[in-house]
Amino acid sequence: MATLTADFLDKYVGKTIVDICPLKFGTIGDKHNHCAHFVGHVMKLNNASTNGFTCAGMVYSGKSHPDAGAVIRVNDLYNICIDIDEPDPLGCLAYYTLPNNIDKNGFMGTMSQKHVGICHGGYVYNYGNSKDAVRKDKVGDLAALYGAKTITRYTKLPPLYTLLTLEEIQALVPAPAKKP
């Protein structure tokens, strides 16, 4: 099993969702937000670990390979994790949203202004939808993502996660057999 390190996460920087998702949910320039999708694949967060929507439910190939799917909604991640006050240098998740997207019980809602990344060693590894690739930002650099009212929250890493390399993610969907 992989260990959460800067070297591990750096291998994802510059990769697109096309490179990452073995079920091929997502294309360059599409209307979908892939930040949770990226986190979900790296941490193998699927229906076995969360009750949220996964990419497997969004594409036909997901019916044959449901375990290859990954959570695709930020709030589904946030709402299963334990809040922490400060980023853990050894690893946590960082979230950015607006105050009215967190209800009185501390749960994140479904408004579109929400973002998540894997925080490690003073950086947040996240899927930047504007450039359609995984990026590495310093903690704090995304603090105004949605304007001056943006709030930043941190949680412990999700329960039941397993870190996967890009090769391990791709191996979740076997390549079609070649015709003789």
Protein backbone atom coordinates (compact mmCIF):
# COMPACT_ATOMS: atom_id res chain seq x y z
CA MET A 1 0.00 0.00 0.00
CA ALA A 2 1.22 3.49 -0.86
CA THR A 3 2.09 6.03 1.82
CA LEU A 4 0.93 9.65 1.76
CA THR A 5 4.06 11.62 0.91
CA ALA A 6 4.91 14.63 -1.23
CA ASP A 7 6.61 12.31 -3.73
CA PHE A 8 3.45 10.20 -3.99
CA LEU A 9 1.20 13.25 -4.54
CA ASP A 10 3.63 15.05 -6.86
CA LYS A 11 3.19 12.24 -9.40
CA TYR A 12 -0.40 13.43 -9.92
CA VAL A 13 0.46 17.10 -10.56
CA GLY A 14 -0.37 17.99 -14.15
CA LYS A 15 -2.55 14.92 -14.70
CA THR A 16 -6.04 15.44 -16.12
CA ILE A 17 -9.22 13.62 -15.14
CA VAL A 18 -8.88 11.77 -18.46
CA ASP A 19 -5.54 10.43 -17.21
CA ILE A 20 -6.96 9.53 -13.79
CA CYS A 21 -10.49 8.12 -14.11
CA PRO A 22 -10.41 4.51 -15.36
CA LEU A 23 -14.13 4.70 -16.18
CA LYS A 24 -13.60 7.76 -18.39
CA PHE A 25 -16.09 10.01 -16.59
CA GLY A 26 -14.94 13.49 -17.46
CA THR A 27 -13.27 15.23 -20.35
CA ILE A 28 -11.12 18.31 -20.73
CA GLY A 29 -13.34 21.38 -20.62
CA ASP A 30 -16.49 19.61 -19.44
CA LYS A 31 -18.93 21.24 -17.02
CA HIS A 32 -18.15 18.90 -14.12
CA ASN A 33 -16.14 19.82 -11.05
CA HIS A 34 -13.52 17.08 -10.66
CA CYS A 35 -11.84 18.06 -7.38
CA ALA A 36 -13.66 15.44 -5.27
CA HIS A 37 -13.41 12.99 -8.17
CA PHE A 38 -9.59 13.30 -8.07
CA VAL A 39 -9.48 12.86 -4.27
CA GLY A 40 -11.88 9.93 -4.51
CA HIS A 41 -9.71 8.02 -6.98
CA VAL A 42 -6.43 8.69 -5.16
CA MET A 43 -7.95 7.49 -1.88
CA LYS A 44 -10.16 4.76 -3.43
CA LEU A 45 -13.30 6.26 -1.94
CA ASN A 46 -16.19 4.45 -3.58
CA ASN A 47 -19.49 2.92 -2.50
CA ALA A 48 -17.60 0.64 -0.10
CA SER A 49 -16.43 3.67 1.91
CA THR A 50 -19.05 6.38 1.37
CA ASN A 51 -22.72 6.67 0.46
CA GLY A 52 -22.18 9.42 -2.09
CA PHE A 53 -22.49 9.58 -5.84
CA THR A 54 -19.58 7.98 -7.69
CA CYS A 55 -18.35 8.22 -11.25
CA ALA A 56 -19.36 4.56 -11.69
CA GLY A 57 -22.98 5.68 -11.54
CA MET A 58 -22.40 8.29 -14.21
CA VAL A 59 -21.10 6.10 -17.05
CA TYR A 60 -22.18 2.83 -18.65
CA SER A 61 -18.84 1.11 -17.94
CA GLY A 62 -19.43 1.70 -14.22
CA LYS A 63 -22.09 -1.02 -14.22
CA SER A 64 -19.40 -3.60 -14.98
CA HIS A 65 -16.78 -2.05 -12.68
CA PRO A 66 -18.51 -0.40 -9.70
CA ASP A 67 -15.44 -0.75 -7.48
CA ALA A 68 -13.45 1.36 -9.96
CA GLY A 69 -15.71 4.33 -9.25
CA ALA A 70 -14.86 7.22 -6.96
CA VAL A 71 -16.90 9.74 -5.03
CA ILE A 72 -17.60 12.87 -7.10
CA ARG A 73 -19.18 15.34 -4.66
CA VAL A 74 -17.25 17.47 -2.18
CA ASN A 75 -20.03 17.43 0.42
CA ASP A 76 -20.11 13.62 0.39
CA LEU A 77 -16.44 13.65 1.45
CA TYR A 78 -16.75 16.44 3.99
CA ASN A 79 -19.79 14.95 5.70
CA ILE A 80 -18.05 11.61 6.50
CA CYS A 81 -14.86 13.14 7.88
CA ILE A 82 -13.92 14.52 11.30
CA ASP A 83 -13.22 18.27 11.48
CA ILE A 84 -9.84 19.50 12.67
CA ASP A 85 -8.84 23.10 13.43
CA GLU A 86 -5.53 23.31 11.56
CA PRO A 87 -4.02 21.42 8.65
CA ASP A 88 -2.19 18.26 9.64
CA PRO A 89 1.26 18.36 8.00
CA LEU A 90 1.13 14.56 7.68
CA GLY A 91 -2.12 14.65 5.75
CA CYS A 92 -5.70 15.86 5.86
CA LEU A 93 -8.31 17.21 3.48
CA ALA A 94 -8.76 20.94 2.84
CA TYR A 95 -12.12 22.39 1.80
CA TYR A 96 -13.12 25.80 0.48
CA THR A 97 -16.71 27.02 0.39
CA LEU A 98 -18.98 29.84 1.50
CA PRO A 99 -20.35 30.13 5.06
CA ASN A 100 -23.97 29.54 4.01
CA ASN A 101 -22.98 26.12 2.59
CA ILE A 102 -22.35 24.79 6.12
CA ASP A 103 -25.56 24.21 8.07
CA LYS A 104 -26.12 24.76 11.79
CA ASN A 105 -25.17 21.12 12.48
CA GLY A 106 -21.84 21.48 10.66
CA PHE A 107 -22.79 19.57 7.51
CA MET A 108 -21.80 20.83 4.08
CA GLY A 109 -24.58 21.45 1.58
CA THR A 110 -24.74 21.06 -2.17
CA MET A 111 -24.12 24.59 -3.46
CA SER A 112 -21.72 24.67 -6.38
CA GLN A 113 -19.11 26.84 -4.62
CA LYS A 114 -17.16 24.10 -2.87
CA HIS A 115 -13.71 22.65 -3.45
CA VAL A 116 -11.52 19.95 -1.88
CA GLY A 117 -7.91 18.86 -2.04
CA ILE A 118 -5.45 16.61 -0.24
CA CYS A 119 -3.38 18.65 2.17
CA HIS A 120 0.14 17.46 2.96
CA GLY A 121 3.38 19.12 4.00
CA GLY A 122 2.12 22.69 3.61
CA TYR A 123 0.55 22.14 0.18
CA VAL A 124 -2.92 21.33 -1.14
CA TYR A 125 -3.02 18.91 -4.07
CA ASN A 126 -6.26 19.61 -5.89
CA TYR A 127 -7.92 19.33 -9.27
CA GLY A 128 -8.05 22.77 -10.86
CA ASN A 129 -11.06 22.84 -13.13
CA SER A 130 -10.02 26.04 -14.89
CA LYS A 131 -6.87 24.39 -16.26
CA ASP A 132 -8.24 20.84 -16.08
CA ALA A 133 -5.32 19.33 -14.20
CA VAL A 134 -4.10 18.43 -10.73
CA ARG A 135 -2.21 21.31 -9.16
CA LYS A 136 -0.15 21.90 -6.05
CA ASP A 137 -0.98 25.08 -4.12
CA LYS A 138 0.49 26.35 -0.86
CA VAL A 139 -1.88 26.08 2.08
CA GLY A 140 -3.65 29.42 2.20
CA ASP A 141 -3.35 30.18 -1.52
CA LEU A 142 -6.96 29.08 -2.14
CA ALA A 143 -8.38 31.03 0.81
CA ALA A 144 -10.15 33.53 -1.48
CA LEU A 145 -11.27 30.97 -4.08
CA TYR A 146 -14.88 32.19 -3.92
CA GLY A 147 -14.11 35.79 -2.93
CA ALA A 148 -13.59 37.45 0.42
CA LYS A 149 -16.25 35.32 2.13
CA THR A 150 -14.54 32.00 1.32
CA ILE A 151 -14.04 29.80 4.37
CA THR A 152 -11.43 27.08 4.70
CA ARG A 153 -12.11 23.90 6.62
CA TYR A 154 -9.90 20.90 7.33
CA THR A 155 -10.80 17.32 8.17
CA LYS A 156 -8.92 14.21 9.08
CA LEU A 157 -8.39 11.83 6.19
CA PRO A 158 -11.54 9.83 5.42
CA PRO A 159 -12.20 6.52 7.15
CA LEU A 160 -11.54 3.41 5.08
CA TYR A 161 -9.31 5.06 2.50
CA THR A 162 -6.60 3.25 0.55
CA LEU A 163 -4.03 5.27 -1.39
CA LEU A 164 -3.66 4.22 -5.01
CA THR A 165 -1.00 5.08 -7.54
CA LEU A 166 -2.15 6.13 -11.00
CA GLU A 167 -1.24 2.67 -12.27
CA GLU A 168 -3.32 1.00 -9.53
CA ILE A 169 -6.31 3.22 -10.35
CA GLN A 170 -6.07 2.32 -14.04
CA ALA A 171 -5.76 -1.40 -13.21
CA LEU A 172 -9.23 -1.32 -11.58
CA VAL A 173 -10.67 -1.57 -15.09
CA PRO A 174 -8.88 -4.27 -17.09
CA ALA A 175 -7.97 -3.41 -20.64
CA PRO A 176 -10.17 -5.14 -23.20
CA ALA A 177 -8.77 -8.39 -24.51
CA LYS A 178 -7.03 -8.07 -27.85
CA LYS A 179 -8.52 -9.97 -30.76
CA PRO A 180 -6.25 -12.69 -32.14
